[in-house]
């Protein structure tokens, strides 16, 4: 349940607007289909898990306490920054995914924060694929450029080659050899 007070022009509370959202709905919202190896969570201002997609985390757990227990300084730093309402990204070694990145940001009006942990190789797989395609294109362009340069150079020196052959004929004593123009 989310509550927001409405006040009049003098600052007196006149009403309270509330909205209820099922935690299952938030969990479905956090479920990341784009990556095969990623999970997400949403925590309150005090660090209590509101929703999460990773198995084995209890809603009674506190993110900050779990970060302290993990012994990972970067995760403790992320937890502190999330509690302070900051956003950012950290590289860390997730016990579930291995080399990973954790992205986090606050949900301004609610005071909650959300975090996504994604395996590094999964995060950069499209980058690596694009880099490979660019490398292949670069090599193809170099081969094509080499062929074009070879043909251009051959065309440029063809008259000189003909003149050299004619000069060789004259040098061998054939004074009747025709010199190219």
C-alpha atoms as a PDB file:
ATOM      1  CA  UNK A   1       0.000   0.000   0.000  1.00  0.00           C
ATOM      2  CA  UNK A   2       1.262   3.453  -0.926  1.00  0.00           C
ATOM      3  CA  UNK A   3      -0.179   6.513   0.816  1.00  0.00           C
ATOM      4  CA  UNK A   4       0.224  10.160  -0.120  1.00  0.00           C
ATOM      5  CA  UNK A   5      -1.189  13.067   1.928  1.00  0.00           C
ATOM      6  CA  UNK A   6      -3.022  15.895   0.169  1.00  0.00           C
ATOM      7  CA  UNK A   7      -2.781  19.337   1.777  1.00  0.00           C
ATOM      8  CA  UNK A   8      -4.542  22.651   1.275  1.00  0.00           C
ATOM      9  CA  UNK A   9      -2.808  25.972   0.578  1.00  0.00           C
ATOM     10  CA  UNK A  10      -2.096  26.404   4.337  1.00  0.00           C
ATOM     11  CA  UNK A  11      -0.358  23.038   4.610  1.00  0.00           C
ATOM     12  CA  UNK A  12      -3.213  21.343   6.473  1.00  0.00           C
ATOM     13  CA  UNK A  13      -3.820  17.740   5.502  1.00  0.00           C
ATOM     14  CA  UNK A  14      -7.204  17.400   3.811  1.00  0.00           C
ATOM     15  CA  UNK A  15      -7.099  13.818   2.518  1.00  0.00           C
ATOM     16  CA  UNK A  16      -4.929  10.766   1.988  1.00  0.00           C
ATOM     17  CA  UNK A  17      -4.751   8.999  -1.365  1.00  0.00           C
ATOM     18  CA  UNK A  18      -3.789   5.325  -1.247  1.00  0.00           C
ATOM     19  CA  UNK A  19      -3.041   2.680  -3.822  1.00  0.00           C
ATOM     20  CA  UNK A  20      -2.593  -1.046  -3.361  1.00  0.00           C
ATOM     21  CA  UNK A  21      -0.326  -3.126  -5.568  1.00  0.00           C
ATOM     22  CA  UNK A  22       0.166  -6.843  -5.104  1.00  0.00           C
ATOM     23  CA  UNK A  23       3.778  -7.844  -4.509  1.00  0.00           C
ATOM     24  CA  UNK A  24       3.335 -10.592  -7.112  1.00  0.00           C
ATOM     25  CA  UNK A  25       2.651  -7.893  -9.704  1.00  0.00           C
ATOM     26  CA  UNK A  26       5.870  -6.067  -8.759  1.00  0.00           C
ATOM     27  CA  UNK A  27       7.809  -9.344  -8.989  1.00  0.00           C
ATOM     28  CA  UNK A  28       6.403  -9.953 -12.481  1.00  0.00           C
ATOM     29  CA  UNK A  29       7.372  -6.396 -13.391  1.00  0.00           C
ATOM     30  CA  UNK A  30      10.937  -7.044 -12.197  1.00  0.00           C
ATOM     31  CA  UNK A  31      11.248 -10.342 -14.069  1.00  0.00           C
ATOM     32  CA  UNK A  32      13.837  -9.648 -16.761  1.00  0.00           C
ATOM     33  CA  UNK A  33      13.229 -11.518 -20.000  1.00  0.00           C
ATOM     34  CA  UNK A  34      15.911  -9.700 -21.977  1.00  0.00           C
ATOM     35  CA  UNK A  35      18.793 -11.476 -20.231  1.00  0.00           C
ATOM     36  CA  UNK A  36      19.094 -15.201 -19.506  1.00  0.00           C
ATOM     37  CA  UNK A  37      21.364 -14.666 -16.515  1.00  0.00           C
ATOM     38  CA  UNK A  38      20.024 -11.754 -14.473  1.00  0.00           C
ATOM     39  CA  UNK A  39      17.870 -11.069 -11.443  1.00  0.00           C
ATOM     40  CA  UNK A  40      16.337  -8.009  -9.839  1.00  0.00           C
ATOM     41  CA  UNK A  41      15.069  -6.763  -6.502  1.00  0.00           C
ATOM     42  CA  UNK A  42      13.230  -3.824  -5.017  1.00  0.00           C
ATOM     43  CA  UNK A  43      13.964  -2.659  -1.483  1.00  0.00           C
ATOM     44  CA  UNK A  44      12.408  -0.128   0.877  1.00  0.00           C
ATOM     45  CA  UNK A  45      14.216   2.893   2.267  1.00  0.00           C
ATOM     46  CA  UNK A  46      15.197   0.785   5.293  1.00  0.00           C
ATOM     47  CA  UNK A  47      16.516  -2.062   3.116  1.00  0.00           C
ATOM     48  CA  UNK A  48      13.598  -4.496   3.486  1.00  0.00           C
ATOM     49  CA  UNK A  49      12.946  -6.544   0.354  1.00  0.00           C
ATOM     50  CA  UNK A  50       9.678  -5.522  -1.279  1.00  0.00           C
ATOM     51  CA  UNK A  51      10.109  -7.792  -4.269  1.00  0.00           C
ATOM     52  CA  UNK A  52      12.823  -9.947  -5.794  1.00  0.00           C
ATOM     53  CA  UNK A  53      13.243 -12.462  -8.613  1.00  0.00           C
ATOM     54  CA  UNK A  54      16.082 -14.536  -7.135  1.00  0.00           C
ATOM     55  CA  UNK A  55      15.127 -17.693  -5.273  1.00  0.00           C
ATOM     56  CA  UNK A  56      16.285 -18.092  -1.688  1.00  0.00           C
ATOM     57  CA  UNK A  57      15.765 -14.517  -0.517  1.00  0.00           C
ATOM     58  CA  UNK A  58      13.089 -14.105   2.133  1.00  0.00           C
ATOM     59  CA  UNK A  59      10.963 -10.945   2.260  1.00  0.00           C
ATOM     60  CA  UNK A  60      11.875 -10.683   5.929  1.00  0.00           C
ATOM     61  CA  UNK A  61      15.557 -10.284   4.981  1.00  0.00           C
ATOM     62  CA  UNK A  62      17.235  -6.889   4.937  1.00  0.00           C
ATOM     63  CA  UNK A  63      19.371  -6.023   1.916  1.00  0.00           C
ATOM     64  CA  UNK A  64      21.911  -4.088   3.954  1.00  0.00           C
ATOM     65  CA  UNK A  65      22.286  -6.945   6.472  1.00  0.00           C
ATOM     66  CA  UNK A  66      22.649  -9.508   3.661  1.00  0.00           C
ATOM     67  CA  UNK A  67      25.299  -7.290   2.060  1.00  0.00           C
ATOM     68  CA  UNK A  68      27.223  -7.134   5.357  1.00  0.00           C
ATOM     69  CA  UNK A  69      26.967 -10.912   5.805  1.00  0.00           C
ATOM     70  CA  UNK A  70      28.223 -11.520   2.252  1.00  0.00           C
ATOM     71  CA  UNK A  71      31.550  -9.879   3.034  1.00  0.00           C
ATOM     72  CA  UNK A  72      31.624  -8.167  -0.377  1.00  0.00           C
ATOM     73  CA  UNK A  73      32.649  -4.521   0.194  1.00  0.00           C
ATOM     74  CA  UNK A  74      31.221  -3.423  -3.154  1.00  0.00           C
ATOM     75  CA  UNK A  75      27.808  -4.895  -2.253  1.00  0.00           C
ATOM     76  CA  UNK A  76      27.878  -3.104   1.126  1.00  0.00           C
ATOM     77  CA  UNK A  77      28.643   0.116  -0.755  1.00  0.00           C
ATOM     78  CA  UNK A  78      25.730  -0.529  -3.157  1.00  0.00           C
ATOM     79  CA  UNK A  79      23.394  -1.193  -0.223  1.00  0.00           C
ATOM     80  CA  UNK A  80      24.448   2.059   1.463  1.00  0.00           C
ATOM     81  CA  UNK A  81      24.009   4.052  -1.734  1.00  0.00           C
ATOM     82  CA  UNK A  82      20.582   2.477  -2.303  1.00  0.00           C
ATOM     83  CA  UNK A  83      19.538   3.405   1.252  1.00  0.00           C
ATOM     84  CA  UNK A  84      20.756   6.974   0.555  1.00  0.00           C
ATOM     85  CA  UNK A  85      18.563   7.136  -2.571  1.00  0.00           C
ATOM     86  CA  UNK A  86      21.444   7.220  -5.060  1.00  0.00           C
ATOM     87  CA  UNK A  87      21.750   5.490  -8.408  1.00  0.00           C
ATOM     88  CA  UNK A  88      24.770   3.874  -9.987  1.00  0.00           C
ATOM     89  CA  UNK A  89      26.536   0.786 -11.212  1.00  0.00           C
ATOM     90  CA  UNK A  90      29.160  -1.482  -9.655  1.00  0.00           C
ATOM     91  CA  UNK A  91      31.126  -4.431 -10.905  1.00  0.00           C
ATOM     92  CA  UNK A  92      31.125  -7.388  -8.523  1.00  0.00           C
ATOM     93  CA  UNK A  93      31.416 -11.151  -8.294  1.00  0.00           C
ATOM     94  CA  UNK A  94      27.910 -12.438  -7.648  1.00  0.00           C
ATOM     95  CA  UNK A  95      27.742 -15.780  -5.810  1.00  0.00           C
ATOM     96  CA  UNK A  96      24.924 -16.756  -8.204  1.00  0.00           C
ATOM     97  CA  UNK A  97      26.205 -15.411 -11.557  1.00  0.00           C
ATOM     98  CA  UNK A  98      29.951 -14.890 -11.112  1.00  0.00           C
ATOM     99  CA  UNK A  99      31.446 -11.805 -12.778  1.00  0.00           C
ATOM    100  CA  UNK A 100      28.505  -9.402 -12.872  1.00  0.00           C
ATOM    101  CA  UNK A 101      27.354  -5.827 -12.838  1.00  0.00           C
ATOM    102  CA  UNK A 102      24.769  -4.449 -10.445  1.00  0.00           C
ATOM    103  CA  UNK A 103      22.729  -1.453 -11.591  1.00  0.00           C
ATOM    104  CA  UNK A 104      20.603   0.400  -9.054  1.00  0.00           C
ATOM    105  CA  UNK A 105      18.387   3.460  -8.905  1.00  0.00           C
ATOM    106  CA  UNK A 106      15.804   4.996  -6.588  1.00  0.00           C
ATOM    107  CA  UNK A 107      12.080   5.168  -7.248  1.00  0.00           C
ATOM    108  CA  UNK A 108      11.797   8.824  -6.276  1.00  0.00           C
ATOM    109  CA  UNK A 109       8.273   9.248  -4.920  1.00  0.00           C
ATOM    110  CA  UNK A 110       8.181   6.029  -2.920  1.00  0.00           C
ATOM    111  CA  UNK A 111      11.631   6.117  -1.395  1.00  0.00           C
ATOM    112  CA  UNK A 112      12.292   2.609  -2.675  1.00  0.00           C
ATOM    113  CA  UNK A 113      15.227   1.458  -4.760  1.00  0.00           C
ATOM    114  CA  UNK A 114      15.501  -1.170  -7.435  1.00  0.00           C
ATOM    115  CA  UNK A 115      18.568  -3.144  -8.466  1.00  0.00           C
ATOM    116  CA  UNK A 116      19.357  -5.424 -11.383  1.00  0.00           C
ATOM    117  CA  UNK A 117      22.253  -7.870 -11.326  1.00  0.00           C
ATOM    118  CA  UNK A 118      23.390  -9.077 -14.742  1.00  0.00           C
ATOM    119  CA  UNK A 119      26.156 -11.481 -15.716  1.00  0.00           C
ATOM    120  CA  UNK A 120      28.969  -9.560 -17.446  1.00  0.00           C
ATOM    121  CA  UNK A 121      29.225 -11.919 -20.435  1.00  0.00           C
ATOM    122  CA  UNK A 122      25.447 -11.740 -20.922  1.00  0.00           C
ATOM    123  CA  UNK A 123      25.524  -7.957 -20.715  1.00  0.00           C
ATOM    124  CA  UNK A 124      28.215  -7.628 -23.371  1.00  0.00           C
ATOM    125  CA  UNK A 125      27.217 -10.501 -25.677  1.00  0.00           C
ATOM    126  CA  UNK A 126      25.718  -8.136 -28.280  1.00  0.00           C
ATOM    127  CA  UNK A 127      28.814  -5.954 -28.046  1.00  0.00           C
ATOM    128  CA  UNK A 128      31.094  -8.932 -28.725  1.00  0.00           C
ATOM    129  CA  UNK A 129      28.910 -10.048 -31.623  1.00  0.00           C
ATOM    130  CA  UNK A 130      28.959  -6.537 -33.101  1.00  0.00           C
ATOM    131  CA  UNK A 131      32.723  -6.325 -32.658  1.00  0.00           C
ATOM    132  CA  UNK A 132      33.150  -9.627 -34.520  1.00  0.00           C
ATOM    133  CA  UNK A 133      30.924  -8.455 -37.387  1.00  0.00           C
ATOM    134  CA  UNK A 134      32.880  -5.194 -37.603  1.00  0.00           C
ATOM    135  CA  UNK A 135      36.172  -7.096 -37.638  1.00  0.00           C
ATOM    136  CA  UNK A 136      34.994  -9.324 -40.505  1.00  0.00           C
ATOM    137  CA  UNK A 137      33.759  -6.261 -42.436  1.00  0.00           C
ATOM    138  CA  UNK A 138      37.063  -4.501 -41.814  1.00  0.00           C
ATOM    139  CA  UNK A 139      39.044  -7.468 -43.161  1.00  0.00           C
ATOM    140  CA  UNK A 140      36.776  -7.712 -46.230  1.00  0.00           C
ATOM    141  CA  UNK A 141      37.231  -3.999 -46.884  1.00  0.00           C
ATOM    142  CA  UNK A 142      41.031  -4.351 -46.588  1.00  0.00           C
ATOM    143  CA  UNK A 143      41.040  -7.212 -49.121  1.00  0.00           C
ATOM    144  CA  UNK A 144      38.830  -5.224 -51.506  1.00  0.00           C
ATOM    145  CA  UNK A 145      40.993  -2.134 -51.087  1.00  0.00           C
ATOM    146  CA  UNK A 146      44.138  -4.205 -51.753  1.00  0.00           C
ATOM    147  CA  UNK A 147      42.652  -5.592 -54.974  1.00  0.00           C
ATOM    148  CA  UNK A 148      41.581  -2.122 -56.135  1.00  0.00           C
ATOM    149  CA  UNK A 149      44.995  -0.632 -55.330  1.00  0.00           C
ATOM    150  CA  UNK A 150      46.793  -3.440 -57.140  1.00  0.00           C
ATOM    151  CA  UNK A 151      44.637  -2.955 -60.233  1.00  0.00           C
ATOM    152  CA  UNK A 152      45.099   0.838 -60.118  1.00  0.00           C
ATOM    153  CA  UNK A 153      48.857   0.570 -59.740  1.00  0.00           C
ATOM    154  CA  UNK A 154      49.003  -2.005 -62.564  1.00  0.00           C
ATOM    155  CA  UNK A 155      47.024   0.373 -64.826  1.00  0.00           C
ATOM    156  CA  UNK A 156      49.280   3.291 -63.939  1.00  0.00           C
ATOM    157  CA  UNK A 157      52.539   1.472 -64.635  1.00  0.00           C
ATOM    158  CA  UNK A 158      51.316  -0.485 -67.728  1.00  0.00           C
ATOM    159  CA  UNK A 159      52.592   2.185 -70.178  1.00  0.00           C
ATOM    160  CA  UNK A 160      55.937   2.297 -68.354  1.00  0.00           C
ATOM    161  CA  UNK A 161      56.171  -1.504 -68.572  1.00  0.00           C
ATOM    162  CA  UNK A 162      55.535  -1.390 -72.348  1.00  0.00           C
ATOM    163  CA  UNK A 163      58.163   1.340 -72.743  1.00  0.00           C
ATOM    164  CA  UNK A 164      60.662  -0.716 -70.685  1.00  0.00           C
ATOM    165  CA  UNK A 165      60.076  -3.772 -72.904  1.00  0.00           C
ATOM    166  CA  UNK A 166      60.553  -1.685 -76.057  1.00  0.00           C
ATOM    167  CA  UNK A 167      63.735  -0.135 -74.601  1.00  0.00           C
ATOM    168  CA  UNK A 168      65.047  -3.658 -73.879  1.00  0.00           C
ATOM    169  CA  UNK A 169      64.453  -4.561 -77.573  1.00  0.00           C
ATOM    170  CA  UNK A 170      66.421  -1.496 -78.657  1.00  0.00           C
ATOM    171  CA  UNK A 171      69.206  -2.357 -76.184  1.00  0.00           C
ATOM    172  CA  UNK A 172      69.443  -5.856 -77.687  1.00  0.00           C
ATOM    173  CA  UNK A 173      70.088  -4.275 -81.056  1.00  0.00           C
ATOM    174  CA  UNK A 174      66.608  -4.158 -82.622  1.00  0.00           C
ATOM    175  CA  UNK A 175      66.637  -0.553 -83.776  1.00  0.00           C
ATOM    176  CA  UNK A 176      63.370  -1.088 -85.628  1.00  0.00           C
ATOM    177  CA  UNK A 177      61.430  -1.703 -82.405  1.00  0.00           C
ATOM    178  CA  UNK A 178      58.422   0.576 -82.070  1.00  0.00           C
ATOM    179  CA  UNK A 179      58.456   2.719 -78.950  1.00  0.00           C
ATOM    180  CA  UNK A 180      55.041   3.264 -77.362  1.00  0.00           C
ATOM    181  CA  UNK A 181      53.645   6.780 -77.264  1.00  0.00           C
END
